[in-house]
Amino acid sequence: MSERRPSSEIWIKRLPQNEGKKAGDFCTLKIELFPARFWALKWEPSSTLFYRQPSIQSEKRSEYWLTRFRVRVNGKWLGDRAKYVTYTKEQILERYFR
């Protein structure tokens, strides 16, 4: 990939494959987390590029940049509501590990 930003965390989830393959074969799901702060300079108060808009208040906006992540799964960015969709770790865990 041509992504120049380093991911802060990489999670691997192994999934059983049963599409005509032998039982016991596994494929992997590579989940990369990138802190939302990497895209903070692209944000403007009226921007539609972000889904889950950061707050206008500076304290809440600082918390937003620290607690939310963009997610890339197997090389594809997650989300289709906007160009930059961000999630909390709890949302990511619930989606892929529960």
PDB file of N, CA and C in Angstrom:
ATOM      1  N   MET A   1       0.836  -1.174   0.000  1.00  0.00           N
ATOM      2  CA  MET A   1       0.000   0.000   0.000  1.00  0.00           C
ATOM      3  C   MET A   1       0.883   1.241   0.000  1.00  0.00           C
ATOM      4  N   SER A   2       0.319   2.310  -0.463  1.00  0.00           N
ATOM      5  CA  SER A   2       1.078   3.539  -0.537  1.00  0.00           C
ATOM      6  C   SER A   2       0.811   4.446   0.663  1.00  0.00           C
ATOM      7  N   GLU A   3       0.200   3.940   1.689  1.00  0.00           N
ATOM      8  CA  GLU A   3      -0.100   4.737   2.878  1.00  0.00           C
ATOM      9  C   GLU A   3       1.189   5.099   3.594  1.00  0.00           C
ATOM     10  N   ARG A   4       1.414   6.393   3.783  1.00  0.00           N
ATOM     11  CA  ARG A   4       2.645   6.843   4.426  1.00  0.00           C
ATOM     12  C   ARG A   4       2.494   7.009   5.923  1.00  0.00           C
ATOM     13  N   ARG A   5       1.273   6.965   6.409  1.00  0.00           N
ATOM     14  CA  ARG A   5       1.034   7.082   7.844  1.00  0.00           C
ATOM     15  C   ARG A   5       1.174   5.704   8.485  1.00  0.00           C
ATOM     16  N   PRO A   6       1.858   5.629   9.611  1.00  0.00           N
ATOM     17  CA  PRO A   6       1.973   4.324  10.274  1.00  0.00           C
ATOM     18  C   PRO A   6       0.697   4.004  11.055  1.00  0.00           C
ATOM     19  N   SER A   7       0.288   2.770  11.015  1.00  0.00           N
ATOM     20  CA  SER A   7      -0.887   2.385  11.805  1.00  0.00           C
ATOM     21  C   SER A   7      -0.467   2.289  13.262  1.00  0.00           C
ATOM     22  N   SER A   8      -1.379   2.659  14.151  1.00  0.00           N
ATOM     23  CA  SER A   8      -1.043   2.602  15.572  1.00  0.00           C
ATOM     24  C   SER A   8      -1.192   1.186  16.105  1.00  0.00           C
ATOM     25  N   GLU A   9      -2.121   0.436  15.539  1.00  0.00           N
ATOM     26  CA  GLU A   9      -2.337  -0.953  15.963  1.00  0.00           C
ATOM     27  C   GLU A   9      -2.730  -1.784  14.756  1.00  0.00           C
ATOM     28  N   ILE A  10      -2.354  -3.043  14.786  1.00  0.00           N
ATOM     29  CA  ILE A  10      -2.779  -4.000  13.768  1.00  0.00           C
ATOM     30  C   ILE A  10      -3.365  -5.200  14.495  1.00  0.00           C
ATOM     31  N   TRP A  11      -4.604  -5.511  14.179  1.00  0.00           N
ATOM     32  CA  TRP A  11      -5.271  -6.670  14.775  1.00  0.00           C
ATOM     33  C   TRP A  11      -5.451  -7.706  13.676  1.00  0.00           C
ATOM     34  N   ILE A  12      -5.245  -8.965  14.014  1.00  0.00           N
ATOM     35  CA  ILE A  12      -5.435 -10.064  13.067  1.00  0.00           C
ATOM     36  C   ILE A  12      -6.546 -10.960  13.593  1.00  0.00           C
ATOM     37  N   LYS A  13      -7.499 -11.244  12.733  1.00  0.00           N
ATOM     38  CA  LYS A  13      -8.567 -12.176  13.098  1.00  0.00           C
ATOM     39  C   LYS A  13      -8.539 -13.308  12.086  1.00  0.00           C
ATOM     40  N   ARG A  14      -8.504 -14.518  12.583  1.00  0.00           N
ATOM     41  CA  ARG A  14      -8.498 -15.682  11.707  1.00  0.00           C
ATOM     42  C   ARG A  14      -9.934 -16.178  11.533  1.00  0.00           C
ATOM     43  N   LEU A  15     -10.283 -16.419  10.288  1.00  0.00           N
ATOM     44  CA  LEU A  15     -11.632 -16.864   9.949  1.00  0.00           C
ATOM     45  C   LEU A  15     -11.561 -18.233   9.298  1.00  0.00           C
ATOM     46  N   PRO A  16     -12.445 -19.135   9.667  1.00  0.00           N
ATOM     47  CA  PRO A  16     -12.458 -20.431   8.985  1.00  0.00           C
ATOM     48  C   PRO A  16     -12.990 -20.269   7.564  1.00  0.00           C
ATOM     49  N   GLN A  17     -12.375 -20.958   6.639  1.00  0.00           N
ATOM     50  CA  GLN A  17     -12.854 -20.934   5.266  1.00  0.00           C
ATOM     51  C   GLN A  17     -13.560 -22.246   4.981  1.00  0.00           C
ATOM     52  N   ASN A  18     -14.723 -22.165   4.445  1.00  0.00           N
ATOM     53  CA  ASN A  18     -15.444 -23.376   4.092  1.00  0.00           C
ATOM     54  C   ASN A  18     -16.018 -23.271   2.684  1.00  0.00           C
ATOM     55  N   GLU A  19     -15.314 -22.578   1.827  1.00  0.00           N
ATOM     56  CA  GLU A  19     -15.756 -22.429   0.442  1.00  0.00           C
ATOM     57  C   GLU A  19     -15.051 -23.465  -0.433  1.00  0.00           C
ATOM     58  N   GLY A  20     -15.294 -24.727  -0.167  1.00  0.00           N
ATOM     59  CA  GLY A  20     -14.708 -25.778  -0.974  1.00  0.00           C
ATOM     60  C   GLY A  20     -13.289 -26.141  -0.573  1.00  0.00           C
ATOM     61  N   LYS A  21     -12.805 -25.556   0.498  1.00  0.00           N
ATOM     62  CA  LYS A  21     -11.450 -25.859   0.953  1.00  0.00           C
ATOM     63  C   LYS A  21     -11.524 -26.897   2.067  1.00  0.00           C
ATOM     64  N   LYS A  22     -10.388 -27.443   2.399  1.00  0.00           N
ATOM     65  CA  LYS A  22     -10.344 -28.420   3.477  1.00  0.00           C
ATOM     66  C   LYS A  22     -10.762 -27.784   4.802  1.00  0.00           C
ATOM     67  N   ALA A  23     -11.396 -28.565   5.638  1.00  0.00           N
ATOM     68  CA  ALA A  23     -11.746 -28.070   6.963  1.00  0.00           C
ATOM     69  C   ALA A  23     -10.470 -27.769   7.730  1.00  0.00           C
ATOM     70  N   GLY A  24     -10.435 -26.688   8.423  1.00  0.00           N
ATOM     71  CA  GLY A  24      -9.257 -26.334   9.190  1.00  0.00           C
ATOM     72  C   GLY A  24      -8.399 -25.275   8.516  1.00  0.00           C
ATOM     73  N   ASP A  25      -8.636 -25.010   7.238  1.00  0.00           N
ATOM     74  CA  ASP A  25      -7.910 -23.924   6.577  1.00  0.00           C
ATOM     75  C   ASP A  25      -8.441 -22.596   7.108  1.00  0.00           C
ATOM     76  N   PHE A  26      -7.564 -21.651   7.229  1.00  0.00           N
ATOM     77  CA  PHE A  26      -7.962 -20.356   7.763  1.00  0.00           C
ATOM     78  C   PHE A  26      -7.544 -19.237   6.820  1.00  0.00           C
ATOM     79  N   CYS A  27      -8.340 -18.216   6.798  1.00  0.00           N
ATOM     80  CA  CYS A  27      -7.926 -16.984   6.150  1.00  0.00           C
ATOM     81  C   CYS A  27      -7.836 -15.927   7.252  1.00  0.00           C
ATOM     82  N   THR A  28      -7.159 -14.844   6.981  1.00  0.00           N
ATOM     83  CA  THR A  28      -6.981 -13.831   8.012  1.00  0.00           C
ATOM     84  C   THR A  28      -7.641 -12.530   7.602  1.00  0.00           C
ATOM     85  N   LEU A  29      -8.021 -11.789   8.597  1.00  0.00           N
ATOM     86  CA  LEU A  29      -8.592 -10.471   8.438  1.00  0.00           C
ATOM     87  C   LEU A  29      -7.619  -9.516   9.120  1.00  0.00           C
ATOM     88  N   LYS A  30      -6.975  -8.668   8.356  1.00  0.00           N
ATOM     89  CA  LYS A  30      -6.008  -7.718   8.907  1.00  0.00           C
ATOM     90  C   LYS A  30      -6.715  -6.380   9.116  1.00  0.00           C
ATOM     91  N   ILE A  31      -6.816  -5.970  10.380  1.00  0.00           N
ATOM     92  CA  ILE A  31      -7.518  -4.745  10.752  1.00  0.00           C
ATOM     93  C   ILE A  31      -6.472  -3.747  11.247  1.00  0.00           C
ATOM     94  N   GLU A  32      -6.325  -2.655  10.521  1.00  0.00           N
ATOM     95  CA  GLU A  32      -5.345  -1.634  10.886  1.00  0.00           C
ATOM     96  C   GLU A  32      -6.059  -0.404  11.412  1.00  0.00           C
ATOM     97  N   LEU A  33      -5.589   0.126  12.538  1.00  0.00           N
ATOM     98  CA  LEU A  33      -6.174   1.309  13.147  1.00  0.00           C
ATOM     99  C   LEU A  33      -5.230   2.490  12.975  1.00  0.00           C
ATOM    100  N   PHE A  34      -5.765   3.580  12.464  1.00  0.00           N
ATOM    101  CA  PHE A  34      -5.007   4.802  12.269  1.00  0.00           C
ATOM    102  C   PHE A  34      -5.673   5.897  13.101  1.00  0.00           C
ATOM    103  N   PRO A  35      -4.936   6.580  13.958  1.00  0.00           N
ATOM    104  CA  PRO A  35      -5.538   7.643  14.771  1.00  0.00           C
ATOM    105  C   PRO A  35      -6.149   8.735  13.893  1.00  0.00           C
ATOM    106  N   ALA A  36      -7.303   9.221  14.289  1.00  0.00           N
ATOM    107  CA  ALA A  36      -7.996  10.258  13.520  1.00  0.00           C
ATOM    108  C   ALA A  36      -7.180  11.548  13.447  1.00  0.00           C
ATOM    109  N   ARG A  37      -6.275  11.749  14.390  1.00  0.00           N
ATOM    110  CA  ARG A  37      -5.488  12.981  14.404  1.00  0.00           C
ATOM    111  C   ARG A  37      -4.635  13.141  13.150  1.00  0.00           C
ATOM    112  N   PHE A  38      -4.353  12.054  12.444  1.00  0.00           N
ATOM    113  CA  PHE A  38      -3.594  12.147  11.200  1.00  0.00           C
ATOM    114  C   PHE A  38      -4.335  12.982  10.153  1.00  0.00           C
ATOM    115  N   TRP A  39      -5.652  13.070  10.258  1.00  0.00           N
ATOM    116  CA  TRP A  39      -6.464  13.795   9.291  1.00  0.00           C
ATOM    117  C   TRP A  39      -7.045  15.074   9.882  1.00  0.00           C
ATOM    118  N   ALA A  40      -6.546  15.502  11.017  1.00  0.00           N
ATOM    119  CA  ALA A  40      -7.086  16.677  11.702  1.00  0.00           C
ATOM    120  C   ALA A  40      -6.952  17.953  10.863  1.00  0.00           C
ATOM    121  N   LEU A  41      -5.908  18.075  10.089  1.00  0.00           N
ATOM    122  CA  LEU A  41      -5.722  19.291   9.295  1.00  0.00           C
ATOM    123  C   LEU A  41      -6.710  19.390   8.133  1.00  0.00           C
ATOM    124  N   LYS A  42      -7.335  18.300   7.765  1.00  0.00           N
ATOM    125  CA  LYS A  42      -8.309  18.322   6.674  1.00  0.00           C
ATOM    126  C   LYS A  42      -9.704  18.738   7.155  1.00  0.00           C
ATOM    127  N   TRP A  43      -9.899  18.790   8.475  1.00  0.00           N
ATOM    128  CA  TRP A  43     -11.206  19.101   9.023  1.00  0.00           C
ATOM    129  C   TRP A  43     -11.464  20.598   9.037  1.00  0.00           C
ATOM    130  N   GLU A  44     -12.679  20.983   8.679  1.00  0.00           N
ATOM    131  CA  GLU A  44     -13.178  22.346   8.809  1.00  0.00           C
ATOM    132  C   GLU A  44     -14.556  22.246   9.431  1.00  0.00           C
ATOM    133  N   PRO A  45     -15.013  23.279  10.139  1.00  0.00           N
ATOM    134  CA  PRO A  45     -16.312  23.187  10.815  1.00  0.00           C
ATOM    135  C   PRO A  45     -17.483  22.809   9.907  1.00  0.00           C
ATOM    136  N   SER A  46     -17.467  23.217   8.655  1.00  0.00           N
ATOM    137  CA  SER A  46     -18.592  22.902   7.765  1.00  0.00           C
ATOM    138  C   SER A  46     -18.289  21.740   6.818  1.00  0.00           C
ATOM    139  N   SER A  47     -17.207  21.030   7.058  1.00  0.00           N
ATOM    140  CA  SER A  47     -16.772  19.964   6.163  1.00  0.00           C
ATOM    141  C   SER A  47     -17.720  18.767   6.190  1.00  0.00           C
ATOM    142  N   THR A  48     -17.959  18.202   5.017  1.00  0.00           N
ATOM    143  CA  THR A  48     -18.761  16.977   4.923  1.00  0.00           C
ATOM    144  C   THR A  48     -17.869  15.769   4.675  1.00  0.00           C
ATOM    145  N   LEU A  49     -16.551  15.954   4.771  1.00  0.00           N
ATOM    146  CA  LEU A  49     -15.614  14.858   4.542  1.00  0.00           C
ATOM    147  C   LEU A  49     -15.612  13.851   5.687  1.00  0.00           C
ATOM    148  N   PHE A  50     -16.025  14.272   6.885  1.00  0.00           N
ATOM    149  CA  PHE A  50     -15.965  13.415   8.065  1.00  0.00           C
ATOM    150  C   PHE A  50     -17.360  12.943   8.457  1.00  0.00           C
ATOM    151  N   TYR A  51     -17.439  11.666   8.832  1.00  0.00           N
ATOM    152  CA  TYR A  51     -18.665  11.170   9.444  1.00  0.00           C
ATOM    153  C   TYR A  51     -18.374  10.972  10.924  1.00  0.00           C
ATOM    154  N   ARG A  52     -19.297  11.391  11.728  1.00  0.00           N
ATOM    155  CA  ARG A  52     -19.138  11.654  13.153  1.00  0.00           C
ATOM    156  C   ARG A  52     -18.274  12.897  13.258  1.00  0.00           C
ATOM    157  N   GLN A  53     -18.913  13.997  12.957  1.00  0.00           N
ATOM    158  CA  GLN A  53     -18.230  15.283  12.955  1.00  0.00           C
ATOM    159  C   GLN A  53     -17.618  15.603  14.303  1.00  0.00           C
ATOM    160  N   PRO A  54     -16.389  16.106  14.330  1.00  0.00           N
ATOM    161  CA  PRO A  54     -15.816  16.581  15.582  1.00  0.00           C
ATOM    162  C   PRO A  54     -16.602  17.778  16.099  1.00  0.00           C
ATOM    163  N   SER A  55     -16.609  17.951  17.376  1.00  0.00           N
ATOM    164  CA  SER A  55     -17.316  19.054  17.999  1.00  0.00           C
ATOM    165  C   SER A  55     -16.617  20.377  17.702  1.00  0.00           C
ATOM    166  N   ILE A  56     -17.365  21.453  17.776  1.00  0.00           N
ATOM    167  CA  ILE A  56     -16.798  22.785  17.612  1.00  0.00           C
ATOM    168  C   ILE A  56     -16.008  23.175  18.863  1.00  0.00           C
ATOM    169  N   GLN A  57     -16.425  22.674  20.020  1.00  0.00           N
ATOM    170  CA  GLN A  57     -15.737  22.995  21.277  1.00  0.00           C
ATOM    171  C   GLN A  57     -14.358  22.345  21.284  1.00  0.00           C
ATOM    172  N   SER A  58     -13.349  23.104  21.672  1.00  0.00           N
ATOM    173  CA  SER A  58     -11.971  22.626  21.547  1.00  0.00           C
ATOM    174  C   SER A  58     -11.657  21.429  22.437  1.00  0.00           C
ATOM    175  N   GLU A  59     -12.223  21.349  23.667  1.00  0.00           N
ATOM    176  CA  GLU A  59     -11.929  20.207  24.542  1.00  0.00           C
ATOM    177  C   GLU A  59     -12.497  18.918  23.955  1.00  0.00           C
ATOM    178  N   LYS A  60     -13.729  18.980  23.501  1.00  0.00           N
ATOM    179  CA  LYS A  60     -14.355  17.791  22.925  1.00  0.00           C
ATOM    180  C   LYS A  60     -13.700  17.410  21.604  1.00  0.00           C
ATOM    181  N   ARG A  61     -13.269  18.393  20.853  1.00  0.00           N
ATOM    182  CA  ARG A  61     -12.601  18.110  19.582  1.00  0.00           C
ATOM    183  C   ARG A  61     -11.249  17.446  19.832  1.00  0.00           C
ATOM    184  N   SER A  62     -10.521  17.886  20.849  1.00  0.00           N
ATOM    185  CA  SER A  62      -9.250  17.244  21.194  1.00  0.00           C
ATOM    186  C   SER A  62      -9.471  15.799  21.602  1.00  0.00           C
ATOM    187  N   GLU A  63     -10.528  15.549  22.360  1.00  0.00           N
ATOM    188  CA  GLU A  63     -10.862  14.182  22.762  1.00  0.00           C
ATOM    189  C   GLU A  63     -11.218  13.334  21.548  1.00  0.00           C
ATOM    190  N   TYR A  64     -11.937  13.915  20.605  1.00  0.00           N
ATOM    191  CA  TYR A  64     -12.307  13.217  19.377  1.00  0.00           C
ATOM    192  C   TYR A  64     -11.061  12.724  18.640  1.00  0.00           C
ATOM    193  N   TRP A  65     -10.075  13.599  18.451  1.00  0.00           N
ATOM    194  CA  TRP A  65      -8.879  13.229  17.692  1.00  0.00           C
ATOM    195  C   TRP A  65      -8.067  12.160  18.406  1.00  0.00           C
ATOM    196  N   LEU A  66      -8.174  12.070  19.731  1.00  0.00           N
ATOM    197  CA  LEU A  66      -7.401  11.084  20.483  1.00  0.00           C
ATOM    198  C   LEU A  66      -8.095   9.728  20.625  1.00  0.00           C
ATOM    199  N   THR A  67      -9.431   9.710  20.597  1.00  0.00           N
ATOM    200  CA  THR A  67     -10.152   8.468  20.884  1.00  0.00           C
ATOM    201  C   THR A  67     -10.747   7.790  19.653  1.00  0.00           C
ATOM    202  N   ARG A  68     -10.703   8.432  18.506  1.00  0.00           N
ATOM    203  CA  ARG A  68     -11.307   7.843  17.311  1.00  0.00           C
ATOM    204  C   ARG A  68     -10.234   7.433  16.310  1.00  0.00           C
ATOM    205  N   PHE A  69     -10.588   6.446  15.473  1.00  0.00           N
ATOM    206  CA  PHE A  69      -9.641   5.861  14.531  1.00  0.00           C
ATOM    207  C   PHE A  69     -10.291   5.667  13.172  1.00  0.00           C
ATOM    208  N   ARG A  70      -9.485   5.794  12.114  1.00  0.00           N
ATOM    209  CA  ARG A  70      -9.902   5.312  10.808  1.00  0.00           C
ATOM    210  C   ARG A  70      -9.456   3.867  10.732  1.00  0.00           C
ATOM    211  N   VAL A  71     -10.229   3.039  10.065  1.00  0.00           N
ATOM    212  CA  VAL A  71      -9.961   1.605  10.033  1.00  0.00           C
ATOM    213  C   VAL A  71      -9.777   1.143   8.589  1.00  0.00           C
ATOM    214  N   ARG A  72      -8.734   0.362   8.392  1.00  0.00           N
ATOM    215  CA  ARG A  72      -8.491  -0.261   7.091  1.00  0.00           C
ATOM    216  C   ARG A  72      -8.500  -1.760   7.295  1.00  0.00           C
ATOM    217  N   VAL A  73      -9.363  -2.452   6.557  1.00  0.00           N
ATOM    218  CA  VAL A  73      -9.499  -3.904   6.660  1.00  0.00           C
ATOM    219  C   VAL A  73      -9.050  -4.516   5.338  1.00  0.00           C
ATOM    220  N   ASN A  74      -7.999  -5.333   5.430  1.00  0.00           N
ATOM    221  CA  ASN A  74      -7.418  -5.978   4.246  1.00  0.00           C
ATOM    222  C   ASN A  74      -7.151  -4.979   3.122  1.00  0.00           C
ATOM    223  N   GLY A  75      -6.633  -3.811   3.488  1.00  0.00           N
ATOM    224  CA  GLY A  75      -6.239  -2.828   2.489  1.00  0.00           C
ATOM    225  C   GLY A  75      -7.320  -1.881   2.029  1.00  0.00           C
ATOM    226  N   LYS A  76      -8.563  -2.003   2.527  1.00  0.00           N
ATOM    227  CA  LYS A  76      -9.653  -1.120   2.126  1.00  0.00           C
ATOM    228  C   LYS A  76     -10.131  -0.322   3.330  1.00  0.00           C
ATOM    229  N   TRP A  77     -10.329   0.981   3.140  1.00  0.00           N
ATOM    230  CA  TRP A  77     -10.833   1.813   4.221  1.00  0.00           C
ATOM    231  C   TRP A  77     -12.273   1.449   4.526  1.00  0.00           C
ATOM    232  N   LEU A  78     -12.586   1.401   5.800  1.00  0.00           N
ATOM    233  CA  LEU A  78     -13.926   1.048   6.259  1.00  0.00           C
ATOM    234  C   LEU A  78     -14.798   2.296   6.269  1.00  0.00           C
ATOM    235  N   GLY A  79     -16.020   2.154   5.825  1.00  0.00           N
ATOM    236  CA  GLY A  79     -16.985   3.247   5.872  1.00  0.00           C
ATOM    237  C   GLY A  79     -17.343   3.753   4.498  1.00  0.00           C
ATOM    238  N   ASP A  80     -18.611   4.116   4.357  1.00  0.00           N
ATOM    239  CA  ASP A  80     -19.064   4.620   3.069  1.00  0.00           C
ATOM    240  C   ASP A  80     -19.911   5.879   3.201  1.00  0.00           C
ATOM    241  N   ARG A  81     -20.068   6.397   4.407  1.00  0.00           N
ATOM    242  CA  ARG A  81     -20.902   7.582   4.600  1.00  0.00           C
ATOM    243  C   ARG A  81     -20.188   8.871   4.241  1.00  0.00           C
ATOM    244  N   ALA A  82     -18.875   8.864   4.330  1.00  0.00           N
ATOM    245  CA  ALA A  82     -18.064  10.034   3.996  1.00  0.00           C
ATOM    246  C   ALA A  82     -16.665   9.549   3.638  1.00  0.00           C
ATOM    247  N   LYS A  83     -15.816  10.466   3.248  1.00  0.00           N
ATOM    248  CA  LYS A  83     -14.457  10.059   2.895  1.00  0.00           C
ATOM    249  C   LYS A  83     -13.685   9.581   4.119  1.00  0.00           C
ATOM    250  N   TYR A  84     -13.865  10.265   5.249  1.00  0.00           N
ATOM    251  CA  TYR A  84     -13.156   9.921   6.476  1.00  0.00           C
ATOM    252  C   TYR A  84     -14.169   9.501   7.538  1.00  0.00           C
ATOM    253  N   VAL A  85     -14.361   8.214   7.695  1.00  0.00           N
ATOM    254  CA  VAL A  85     -15.270   7.682   8.709  1.00  0.00           C
ATOM    255  C   VAL A  85     -14.426   7.201   9.872  1.00  0.00           C
ATOM    256  N   THR A  86     -14.777   7.644  11.081  1.00  0.00           N
ATOM    257  CA  THR A  86     -13.984   7.282  12.252  1.00  0.00           C
ATOM    258  C   THR A  86     -14.817   6.463  13.227  1.00  0.00           C
ATOM    259  N   TYR A  87     -14.115   5.615  13.977  1.00  0.00           N
ATOM    260  CA  TYR A  87     -14.750   4.711  14.937  1.00  0.00           C
ATOM    261  C   TYR A  87     -13.963   4.727  16.241  1.00  0.00           C
ATOM    262  N   THR A  88     -14.644   4.373  17.328  1.00  0.00           N
ATOM    263  CA  THR A  88     -13.942   4.157  18.595  1.00  0.00           C
ATOM    264  C   THR A  88     -13.477   2.707  18.621  1.00  0.00           C
ATOM    265  N   LYS A  89     -12.567   2.388  19.526  1.00  0.00           N
ATOM    266  CA  LYS A  89     -12.094   1.002  19.639  1.00  0.00           C
ATOM    267  C   LYS A  89     -13.232   0.071  20.029  1.00  0.00           C
ATOM    268  N   GLU A  90     -14.150   0.546  20.866  1.00  0.00           N
ATOM    269  CA  GLU A  90     -15.289  -0.294  21.272  1.00  0.00           C
ATOM    270  C   GLU A  90     -16.147  -0.666  20.073  1.00  0.00           C
ATOM    271  N   GLN A  91     -16.373   0.283  19.164  1.00  0.00           N
ATOM    272  CA  GLN A  91     -17.165  -0.004  17.966  1.00  0.00           C
ATOM    273  C   GLN A  91     -16.463  -1.029  17.074  1.00  0.00           C
ATOM    274  N   ILE A  92     -15.160  -0.920  16.965  1.00  0.00           N
ATOM    275  CA  ILE A  92     -14.398  -1.848  16.133  1.00  0.00           C
ATOM    276  C   ILE A  92     -14.412  -3.249  16.741  1.00  0.00           C
ATOM    277  N   LEU A  93     -14.196  -3.330  18.049  1.00  0.00           N
ATOM    278  CA  LEU A  93     -14.226  -4.629  18.729  1.00  0.00           C
ATOM    279  C   LEU A  93     -15.591  -5.294  18.587  1.00  0.00           C
ATOM    280  N   GLU A  94     -16.644  -4.517  18.759  1.00  0.00           N
ATOM    281  CA  GLU A  94     -17.986  -5.081  18.658  1.00  0.00           C
ATOM    282  C   GLU A  94     -18.270  -5.576  17.239  1.00  0.00           C
ATOM    283  N   ARG A  95     -17.796  -4.862  16.260  1.00  0.00           N
ATOM    284  CA  ARG A  95     -18.058  -5.244  14.873  1.00  0.00           C
ATOM    285  C   ARG A  95     -17.321  -6.504  14.445  1.00  0.00           C
ATOM    286  N   TYR A  96     -16.078  -6.680  14.902  1.00  0.00           N
ATOM    287  CA  TYR A  96     -15.272  -7.782  14.395  1.00  0.00           C
ATOM    288  C   TYR A  96     -15.000  -8.920  15.385  1.00  0.00           C
ATOM    289  N   PHE A  97     -15.157  -8.684  16.660  1.00  0.00           N
ATOM    290  CA  PHE A  97     -14.758  -9.701  17.624  1.00  0.00           C
ATOM    291  C   PHE A  97     -15.871 -10.161  18.552  1.00  0.00           C
ATOM    292  N   ARG A  98     -17.086  -9.757  18.352  1.00  0.00           N
ATOM    293  CA  ARG A  98     -18.190 -10.232  19.196  1.00  0.00           C
ATOM    294  C   ARG A  98     -19.268 -10.851  18.372  1.00  0.00           C
TER     295      ARG A  98
END
